[in-house]
Amino acid sequence: MSSFSGEERWQPPVGPIDPEHPECAAVIAEVWTLLDGECTPETRDKLRHHLEECPACLRHYGVEERVKSLIAKKCGGEKAPESLRERLRIEISRTTIIRRG
């Protein structure tokens, strides 16, 4: 049995499923490219602007940033092979497309 009352339960951030903010799904899908410095300057500027304007996406970005930092500490800076990174990008894109569908 949970010790949380209905009012205290964690709520997912507004964004990817919020019909008033459809651009949030695209931002969330691109967060890792921003964190890894793998996006174009134009995309970086658009993402940063959105993060400045959207508290929910900024929270999500902060969580991902902490996860990346923790992984970097524990893995000593090892990088995933490019083939794995590309497969992950494709899977993330496919997941985003399915959610939008």
Foldseek 3Di string as FASTA:
>chain_A
DDPDDPVRDDDQFPAVPHPVHVCRLVLLLCLVCLLVVNDDPVVNVVSVVVLVVGVNSVVSSVVVNVVVVVCCVVVVNDDDDPVVVVVVSVVSVVVSVVSVD
